[in-house]
Every structure is written in structure tokens, then in C-alpha cells.
Amino acid sequence: MGPVDCVIYMHRLIFKEIGALKNKLRSPSWTKSKTIEIQQGFIQGRRYKLGKEFVDAFLGIPFGIAPIGELRSHFLLNHGKM
């Protein structure tokens, strides 16, 4: 197996693990986790069980306005500022 084959093999393993993790996070088996406060309000976390471990996930965090159209050439803007 040459170096290129090794890289391809490693990429396949990594993508396989990422896919398995995504499938576990998509599962409906979650409970409410912490609620955190940010400038824009509150975010409710979700607690997922991954094997014997628990993971807290905070989804939908507003990082900034998507750089679409005219905004592609600008610096990232915070939500609420345009």
C-alpha cells in the first residue's frame, strides 16, 4: 500500500466515524440539558447518550449573518446589525 492509498484509507475511516456520530446525534433519544444565556437570549441544550458517555449539544447558535449576496465581500456581521 502506497502513501496515496494510506491517505485514502484514513479519509474513509474518518468519514465513516463522522457518519456514525451524526447518526447517533440525529437519534431522538435526548433529554434537556443546561440552558445558557447569550446576548440574543437563551439557548436550551440537549443531552445525548453516546455509548457510556453523555454529550451536551447546543444547536442553533447565532454566530453571524450568512455571507450571501452583497455581504460576501464584507467582514462577518453580528446578528441584528445590518
PDB file of N, CA and C in Angstrom:
ATOM      1  N   MET A   1       0.855  -1.172   0.000  1.00  0.00           N
ATOM      2  CA  MET A   1       0.000   0.000   0.000  1.00  0.00           C
ATOM      3  C   MET A   1       0.900   1.235   0.000  1.00  0.00           C
ATOM      4  N   GLY A   2       0.693   2.119  -0.984  1.00  0.00           N
ATOM      5  CA  GLY A   2       1.493   3.331  -1.096  1.00  0.00           C
ATOM      6  C   GLY A   2       0.944   4.459  -0.246  1.00  0.00           C
ATOM      7  N   PRO A   3       1.641   5.591  -0.223  1.00  0.00           N
ATOM      8  CA  PRO A   3       1.211   6.728   0.592  1.00  0.00           C
ATOM      9  C   PRO A   3      -0.171   7.251   0.215  1.00  0.00           C
ATOM     10  N   VAL A   4      -0.475   7.282  -1.070  1.00  0.00           N
ATOM     11  CA  VAL A   4      -1.782   7.765  -1.506  1.00  0.00           C
ATOM     12  C   VAL A   4      -2.871   6.823  -1.026  1.00  0.00           C
ATOM     13  N   ASP A   5      -2.621   5.522  -1.118  1.00  0.00           N
ATOM     14  CA  ASP A   5      -3.594   4.540  -0.637  1.00  0.00           C
ATOM     15  C   ASP A   5      -3.841   4.693   0.861  1.00  0.00           C
ATOM     16  N   CYS A   6      -2.788   4.981   1.610  1.00  0.00           N
ATOM     17  CA  CYS A   6      -2.919   5.175   3.059  1.00  0.00           C
ATOM     18  C   CYS A   6      -3.789   6.385   3.370  1.00  0.00           C
ATOM     19  N   VAL A   7      -3.587   7.467   2.634  1.00  0.00           N
ATOM     20  CA  VAL A   7      -4.387   8.680   2.848  1.00  0.00           C
ATOM     21  C   VAL A   7      -5.847   8.415   2.526  1.00  0.00           C
ATOM     22  N   ILE A   8      -6.108   7.744   1.408  1.00  0.00           N
ATOM     23  CA  ILE A   8      -7.490   7.419   1.034  1.00  0.00           C
ATOM     24  C   ILE A   8      -8.127   6.529   2.097  1.00  0.00           C
ATOM     25  N   TYR A   9      -7.392   5.553   2.582  1.00  0.00           N
ATOM     26  CA  TYR A   9      -7.910   4.650   3.615  1.00  0.00           C
ATOM     27  C   TYR A   9      -8.245   5.428   4.889  1.00  0.00           C
ATOM     28  N   MET A  10      -7.352   6.339   5.300  1.00  0.00           N
ATOM     29  CA  MET A  10      -7.593   7.129   6.514  1.00  0.00           C
ATOM     30  C   MET A  10      -8.804   8.035   6.349  1.00  0.00           C
ATOM     31  N   HIS A  11      -8.955   8.650   5.170  1.00  0.00           N
ATOM     32  CA  HIS A  11     -10.123   9.501   4.926  1.00  0.00           C
ATOM     33  C   HIS A  11     -11.408   8.686   5.028  1.00  0.00           C
ATOM     34  N   ARG A  12     -11.396   7.488   4.472  1.00  0.00           N
ATOM     35  CA  ARG A  12     -12.596   6.642   4.551  1.00  0.00           C
ATOM     36  C   ARG A  12     -12.939   6.300   5.996  1.00  0.00           C
ATOM     37  N   LEU A  13     -11.917   5.987   6.800  1.00  0.00           N
ATOM     38  CA  LEU A  13     -12.160   5.688   8.215  1.00  0.00           C
ATOM     39  C   LEU A  13     -12.722   6.895   8.949  1.00  0.00           C
ATOM     40  N   ILE A  14     -12.143   8.058   8.697  1.00  0.00           N
ATOM     41  CA  ILE A  14     -12.601   9.282   9.369  1.00  0.00           C
ATOM     42  C   ILE A  14     -14.048   9.579   8.990  1.00  0.00           C
ATOM     43  N   PHE A  15     -14.374   9.521   7.685  1.00  0.00           N
ATOM     44  CA  PHE A  15     -15.736   9.808   7.257  1.00  0.00           C
ATOM     45  C   PHE A  15     -16.727   8.777   7.787  1.00  0.00           C
ATOM     46  N   LYS A  16     -16.288   7.541   7.926  1.00  0.00           N
ATOM     47  CA  LYS A  16     -17.154   6.507   8.498  1.00  0.00           C
ATOM     48  C   LYS A  16     -17.482   6.842   9.953  1.00  0.00           C
ATOM     49  N   GLU A  17     -16.476   7.271  10.728  1.00  0.00           N
ATOM     50  CA  GLU A  17     -16.687   7.643  12.133  1.00  0.00           C
ATOM     51  C   GLU A  17     -17.568   8.883  12.249  1.00  0.00           C
ATOM     52  N   ILE A  18     -17.340   9.871  11.380  1.00  0.00           N
ATOM     53  CA  ILE A  18     -18.169  11.079  11.400  1.00  0.00           C
ATOM     54  C   ILE A  18     -19.618  10.724  11.090  1.00  0.00           C
ATOM     55  N   GLY A  19     -19.828   9.856  10.106  1.00  0.00           N
ATOM     56  CA  GLY A  19     -21.185   9.433   9.766  1.00  0.00           C
ATOM     57  C   GLY A  19     -21.868   8.718  10.920  1.00  0.00           C
ATOM     58  N   ALA A  20     -21.125   7.858  11.619  1.00  0.00           N
ATOM     59  CA  ALA A  20     -21.702   7.153  12.765  1.00  0.00           C
ATOM     60  C   ALA A  20     -22.079   8.136  13.875  1.00  0.00           C
ATOM     61  N   LEU A  21     -21.228   9.128  14.107  1.00  0.00           N
ATOM     62  CA  LEU A  21     -21.518  10.128  15.136  1.00  0.00           C
ATOM     63  C   LEU A  21     -22.732  10.961  14.754  1.00  0.00           C
ATOM     64  N   LYS A  22     -22.838  11.351  13.477  1.00  0.00           N
ATOM     65  CA  LYS A  22     -24.001  12.114  13.027  1.00  0.00           C
ATOM     66  C   LYS A  22     -25.279  11.318  13.231  1.00  0.00           C
ATOM     67  N   ASN A  23     -25.250  10.031  12.906  1.00  0.00           N
ATOM     68  CA  ASN A  23     -26.444   9.198  13.082  1.00  0.00           C
ATOM     69  C   ASN A  23     -26.840   9.114  14.545  1.00  0.00           C
ATOM     70  N   LYS A  24     -25.866   9.030  15.449  1.00  0.00           N
ATOM     71  CA  LYS A  24     -26.184   8.972  16.874  1.00  0.00           C
ATOM     72  C   LYS A  24     -26.777  10.285  17.349  1.00  0.00           C
ATOM     73  N   LEU A  25     -26.260  11.419  16.855  1.00  0.00           N
ATOM     74  CA  LEU A  25     -26.781  12.719  17.270  1.00  0.00           C
ATOM     75  C   LEU A  25     -28.160  12.994  16.690  1.00  0.00           C
ATOM     76  N   ARG A  26     -28.492  12.370  15.570  1.00  0.00           N
ATOM     77  CA  ARG A  26     -29.814  12.551  14.975  1.00  0.00           C
ATOM     78  C   ARG A  26     -30.879  11.741  15.701  1.00  0.00           C
ATOM     79  N   SER A  27     -30.456  10.790  16.486  1.00  0.00           N
ATOM     80  CA  SER A  27     -31.432   9.931  17.157  1.00  0.00           C
ATOM     81  C   SER A  27     -32.308  10.765  18.088  1.00  0.00           C
ATOM     82  N   PRO A  28     -33.567  10.394  18.209  1.00  0.00           N
ATOM     83  CA  PRO A  28     -34.491  11.179  19.027  1.00  0.00           C
ATOM     84  C   PRO A  28     -34.291  10.997  20.531  1.00  0.00           C
ATOM     85  N   SER A  29     -33.347  10.171  20.930  1.00  0.00           N
ATOM     86  CA  SER A  29     -33.159   9.906  22.354  1.00  0.00           C
ATOM     87  C   SER A  29     -32.269  10.974  22.990  1.00  0.00           C
ATOM     88  N   TRP A  30     -32.903  12.082  23.383  1.00  0.00           N
ATOM     89  CA  TRP A  30     -32.167  13.130  24.064  1.00  0.00           C
ATOM     90  C   TRP A  30     -33.036  13.682  25.176  1.00  0.00           C
ATOM     91  N   THR A  31     -32.407  14.296  26.129  1.00  0.00           N
ATOM     92  CA  THR A  31     -33.114  14.960  27.214  1.00  0.00           C
ATOM     93  C   THR A  31     -32.627  16.400  27.291  1.00  0.00           C
ATOM     94  N   LYS A  32     -33.378  17.233  27.994  1.00  0.00           N
ATOM     95  CA  LYS A  32     -32.961  18.626  28.141  1.00  0.00           C
ATOM     96  C   LYS A  32     -31.681  18.705  28.950  1.00  0.00           C
ATOM     97  N   SER A  33     -30.832  19.622  28.559  1.00  0.00           N
ATOM     98  CA  SER A  33     -29.567  19.861  29.233  1.00  0.00           C
ATOM     99  C   SER A  33     -29.625  21.257  29.837  1.00  0.00           C
ATOM    100  N   LYS A  34     -28.459  21.847  30.044  1.00  0.00           N
ATOM    101  CA  LYS A  34     -28.371  23.201  30.591  1.00  0.00           C
ATOM    102  C   LYS A  34     -29.029  24.208  29.659  1.00  0.00           C
ATOM    103  N   THR A  35     -29.456  25.327  30.238  1.00  0.00           N
ATOM    104  CA  THR A  35     -29.887  26.475  29.469  1.00  0.00           C
ATOM    105  C   THR A  35     -28.844  27.554  29.690  1.00  0.00           C
ATOM    106  N   ILE A  36     -28.307  28.101  28.590  1.00  0.00           N
ATOM    107  CA  ILE A  36     -27.301  29.147  28.737  1.00  0.00           C
ATOM    108  C   ILE A  36     -27.842  30.457  28.185  1.00  0.00           C
ATOM    109  N   GLU A  37     -27.324  31.559  28.703  1.00  0.00           N
ATOM    110  CA  GLU A  37     -27.756  32.880  28.257  1.00  0.00           C
ATOM    111  C   GLU A  37     -26.659  33.507  27.407  1.00  0.00           C
ATOM    112  N   ILE A  38     -27.073  34.036  26.250  1.00  0.00           N
ATOM    113  CA  ILE A  38     -26.160  34.779  25.390  1.00  0.00           C
ATOM    114  C   ILE A  38     -26.792  36.149  25.154  1.00  0.00           C
ATOM    115  N   GLN A  39     -26.126  37.033  24.436  1.00  0.00           N
ATOM    116  CA  GLN A  39     -26.646  38.382  24.197  1.00  0.00           C
ATOM    117  C   GLN A  39     -28.022  38.362  23.539  1.00  0.00           C
ATOM    118  N   GLN A  40     -28.243  37.425  22.646  1.00  0.00           N
ATOM    119  CA  GLN A  40     -29.501  37.380  21.903  1.00  0.00           C
ATOM    120  C   GLN A  40     -30.623  36.678  22.658  1.00  0.00           C
ATOM    121  N   GLY A  41     -30.352  36.092  23.809  1.00  0.00           N
ATOM    122  CA  GLY A  41     -31.387  35.391  24.571  1.00  0.00           C
ATOM    123  C   GLY A  41     -30.847  34.122  25.200  1.00  0.00           C
ATOM    124  N   PHE A  42     -31.683  33.098  25.261  1.00  0.00           N
ATOM    125  CA  PHE A  42     -31.305  31.836  25.891  1.00  0.00           C
ATOM    126  C   PHE A  42     -31.235  30.725  24.851  1.00  0.00           C
ATOM    127  N   ILE A  43     -30.363  29.759  25.107  1.00  0.00           N
ATOM    128  CA  ILE A  43     -30.253  28.565  24.263  1.00  0.00           C
ATOM    129  C   ILE A  43     -30.397  27.343  25.157  1.00  0.00           C
ATOM    130  N   GLN A  44     -31.332  26.470  24.787  1.00  0.00           N
ATOM    131  CA  GLN A  44     -31.569  25.231  25.536  1.00  0.00           C
ATOM    132  C   GLN A  44     -30.709  24.128  24.963  1.00  0.00           C
ATOM    133  N   GLY A  45     -29.909  23.493  25.784  1.00  0.00           N
ATOM    134  CA  GLY A  45     -29.067  22.396  25.338  1.00  0.00           C
ATOM    135  C   GLY A  45     -29.822  21.083  25.282  1.00  0.00           C
ATOM    136  N   ARG A  46     -29.233  20.139  24.590  1.00  0.00           N
ATOM    137  CA  ARG A  46     -29.768  18.772  24.529  1.00  0.00           C
ATOM    138  C   ARG A  46     -28.664  17.831  24.988  1.00  0.00           C
ATOM    139  N   ARG A  47     -29.030  16.834  25.766  1.00  0.00           N
ATOM    140  CA  ARG A  47     -28.064  15.845  26.245  1.00  0.00           C
ATOM    141  C   ARG A  47     -28.319  14.534  25.516  1.00  0.00           C
ATOM    142  N   TYR A  48     -27.273  14.056  24.818  1.00  0.00           N
ATOM    143  CA  TYR A  48     -27.329  12.798  24.076  1.00  0.00           C
ATOM    144  C   TYR A  48     -26.447  11.772  24.764  1.00  0.00           C
ATOM    145  N   LYS A  49     -26.848  10.518  24.686  1.00  0.00           N
ATOM    146  CA  LYS A  49     -26.020   9.434  25.209  1.00  0.00           C
ATOM    147  C   LYS A  49     -25.287   8.795  24.040  1.00  0.00           C
ATOM    148  N   LEU A  50     -23.957   8.791  24.105  1.00  0.00           N
ATOM    149  CA  LEU A  50     -23.118   8.165  23.088  1.00  0.00           C
ATOM    150  C   LEU A  50     -22.340   7.049  23.759  1.00  0.00           C
ATOM    151  N   GLY A  51     -22.836   5.840  23.626  1.00  0.00           N
ATOM    152  CA  GLY A  51     -22.206   4.716  24.320  1.00  0.00           C
ATOM    153  C   GLY A  51     -22.419   4.866  25.814  1.00  0.00           C
ATOM    154  N   LYS A  52     -21.335   4.938  26.577  1.00  0.00           N
ATOM    155  CA  LYS A  52     -21.427   5.129  28.025  1.00  0.00           C
ATOM    156  C   LYS A  52     -21.294   6.591  28.423  1.00  0.00           C
ATOM    157  N   GLU A  53     -21.003   7.443  27.460  1.00  0.00           N
ATOM    158  CA  GLU A  53     -20.772   8.871  27.716  1.00  0.00           C
ATOM    159  C   GLU A  53     -22.014   9.695  27.393  1.00  0.00           C
ATOM    160  N   PHE A  54     -22.083  10.889  27.964  1.00  0.00           N
ATOM    161  CA  PHE A  54     -23.130  11.850  27.643  1.00  0.00           C
ATOM    162  C   PHE A  54     -22.485  13.082  27.028  1.00  0.00           C
ATOM    163  N   VAL A  55     -23.163  13.658  26.017  1.00  0.00           N
ATOM    164  CA  VAL A  55     -22.664  14.837  25.333  1.00  0.00           C
ATOM    165  C   VAL A  55     -23.755  15.894  25.363  1.00  0.00           C
ATOM    166  N   ASP A  56     -23.396  17.118  25.758  1.00  0.00           N
ATOM    167  CA  ASP A  56     -24.336  18.237  25.707  1.00  0.00           C
ATOM    168  C   ASP A  56     -24.143  18.964  24.387  1.00  0.00           C
ATOM    169  N   ALA A  57     -25.223  19.164  23.645  1.00  0.00           N
ATOM    170  CA  ALA A  57     -25.172  19.845  22.350  1.00  0.00           C
ATOM    171  C   ALA A  57     -26.036  21.095  22.418  1.00  0.00           C
ATOM    172  N   PHE A  58     -25.504  22.190  21.903  1.00  0.00           N
ATOM    173  CA  PHE A  58     -26.238  23.449  21.825  1.00  0.00           C
ATOM    174  C   PHE A  58     -26.361  23.798  20.351  1.00  0.00           C
ATOM    175  N   LEU A  59     -27.572  23.644  19.815  1.00  0.00           N
ATOM    176  CA  LEU A  59     -27.811  23.805  18.389  1.00  0.00           C
ATOM    177  C   LEU A  59     -28.450  25.160  18.108  1.00  0.00           C
ATOM    178  N   GLY A  60     -28.211  25.691  16.923  1.00  0.00           N
ATOM    179  CA  GLY A  60     -28.859  26.933  16.503  1.00  0.00           C
ATOM    180  C   GLY A  60     -28.255  28.177  17.108  1.00  0.00           C
ATOM    181  N   ILE A  61     -26.973  28.166  17.408  1.00  0.00           N
ATOM    182  CA  ILE A  61     -26.326  29.337  17.991  1.00  0.00           C
ATOM    183  C   ILE A  61     -26.111  30.372  16.887  1.00  0.00           C
ATOM    184  N   PRO A  62     -26.609  31.594  17.065  1.00  0.00           N
ATOM    185  CA  PRO A  62     -26.479  32.615  16.018  1.00  0.00           C
ATOM    186  C   PRO A  62     -25.094  33.255  16.023  1.00  0.00           C
ATOM    187  N   PHE A  63     -24.184  32.755  15.194  1.00  0.00           N
ATOM    188  CA  PHE A  63     -22.823  33.289  15.143  1.00  0.00           C
ATOM    189  C   PHE A  63     -22.753  34.593  14.368  1.00  0.00           C
ATOM    190  N   GLY A  64     -23.409  34.675  13.260  1.00  0.00           N
ATOM    191  CA  GLY A  64     -23.352  35.875  12.434  1.00  0.00           C
ATOM    192  C   GLY A  64     -24.252  35.727  11.231  1.00  0.00           C
ATOM    193  N   ILE A  65     -24.393  36.809  10.497  1.00  0.00           N
ATOM    194  CA  ILE A  65     -25.228  36.810   9.305  1.00  0.00           C
ATOM    195  C   ILE A  65     -24.491  36.065   8.192  1.00  0.00           C
ATOM    196  N   ALA A  66     -25.205  35.220   7.494  1.00  0.00           N
ATOM    197  CA  ALA A  66     -24.595  34.437   6.410  1.00  0.00           C
ATOM    198  C   ALA A  66     -24.070  35.364   5.318  1.00  0.00           C
ATOM    199  N   PRO A  67     -22.850  35.116   4.826  1.00  0.00           N
ATOM    200  CA  PRO A  67     -22.265  35.972   3.794  1.00  0.00           C
ATOM    201  C   PRO A  67     -22.820  35.654   2.405  1.00  0.00           C
ATOM    202  N   ILE A  68     -24.033  36.111   2.161  1.00  0.00           N
ATOM    203  CA  ILE A  68     -24.716  35.826   0.895  1.00  0.00           C
ATOM    204  C   ILE A  68     -24.940  37.140   0.153  1.00  0.00           C
ATOM    205  N   GLY A  69     -24.826  37.107  -1.166  1.00  0.00           N
ATOM    206  CA  GLY A  69     -25.076  38.293  -1.988  1.00  0.00           C
ATOM    207  C   GLY A  69     -24.046  39.382  -1.731  1.00  0.00           C
ATOM    208  N   GLU A  70     -24.519  40.598  -1.415  1.00  0.00           N
ATOM    209  CA  GLU A  70     -23.633  41.740  -1.185  1.00  0.00           C
ATOM    210  C   GLU A  70     -22.726  41.543   0.019  1.00  0.00           C
ATOM    211  N   LEU A  71     -23.128  40.711   0.951  1.00  0.00           N
ATOM    212  CA  LEU A  71     -22.343  40.516   2.179  1.00  0.00           C
ATOM    213  C   LEU A  71     -21.106  39.643   1.962  1.00  0.00           C
ATOM    214  N   ARG A  72     -20.957  39.026   0.784  1.00  0.00           N
ATOM    215  CA  ARG A  72     -19.806  38.150   0.538  1.00  0.00           C
ATOM    216  C   ARG A  72     -18.478  38.892   0.625  1.00  0.00           C
ATOM    217  N   SER A  73     -18.458  40.165   0.302  1.00  0.00           N
ATOM    218  CA  SER A  73     -17.209  40.918   0.305  1.00  0.00           C
ATOM    219  C   SER A  73     -17.002  41.706   1.597  1.00  0.00           C
ATOM    220  N   HIS A  74     -17.897  41.558   2.577  1.00  0.00           N
ATOM    221  CA  HIS A  74     -17.788  42.283   3.841  1.00  0.00           C
ATOM    222  C   HIS A  74     -17.258  41.381   4.946  1.00  0.00           C
ATOM    223  N   PHE A  75     -16.804  42.002   6.019  1.00  0.00           N
ATOM    224  CA  PHE A  75     -16.455  41.240   7.204  1.00  0.00           C
ATOM    225  C   PHE A  75     -17.721  40.634   7.794  1.00  0.00           C
ATOM    226  N   LEU A  76     -17.579  39.603   8.590  1.00  0.00           N
ATOM    227  CA  LEU A  76     -18.723  38.957   9.221  1.00  0.00           C
ATOM    228  C   LEU A  76     -19.455  39.946  10.114  1.00  0.00           C
ATOM    229  N   LEU A  77     -20.760  40.022   9.974  1.00  0.00           N
ATOM    230  CA  LEU A  77     -21.582  40.922  10.772  1.00  0.00           C
ATOM    231  C   LEU A  77     -22.320  40.146  11.838  1.00  0.00           C
ATOM    232  N   ASN A  78     -22.461  40.745  13.011  1.00  0.00           N
ATOM    233  CA  ASN A  78     -23.239  40.120  14.083  1.00  0.00           C
ATOM    234  C   ASN A  78     -24.704  40.129  13.713  1.00  0.00           C
ATOM    235  N   HIS A  79     -25.453  39.213  14.296  1.00  0.00           N
ATOM    236  CA  HIS A  79     -26.903  39.209  14.104  1.00  0.00           C
ATOM    237  C   HIS A  79     -27.459  40.517  14.636  1.00  0.00           C
ATOM    238  N   GLY A  80     -28.451  41.056  13.951  1.00  0.00           N
ATOM    239  CA  GLY A  80     -29.090  42.289  14.406  1.00  0.00           C
ATOM    240  C   GLY A  80     -28.417  43.548  13.904  1.00  0.00           C
ATOM    241  N   LYS A  81     -27.290  43.440  13.209  1.00  0.00           N
ATOM    242  CA  LYS A  81     -26.606  44.614  12.668  1.00  0.00           C
ATOM    243  C   LYS A  81     -26.545  44.505  11.155  1.00  0.00           C
ATOM    244  N   MET A  82     -27.163  45.467  10.468  1.00  0.00           N
ATOM    245  CA  MET A  82     -27.093  45.481   9.005  1.00  0.00           C
ATOM    246  C   MET A  82     -27.085  46.893   8.525  1.00  0.00           C
TER     247      MET A  82
END
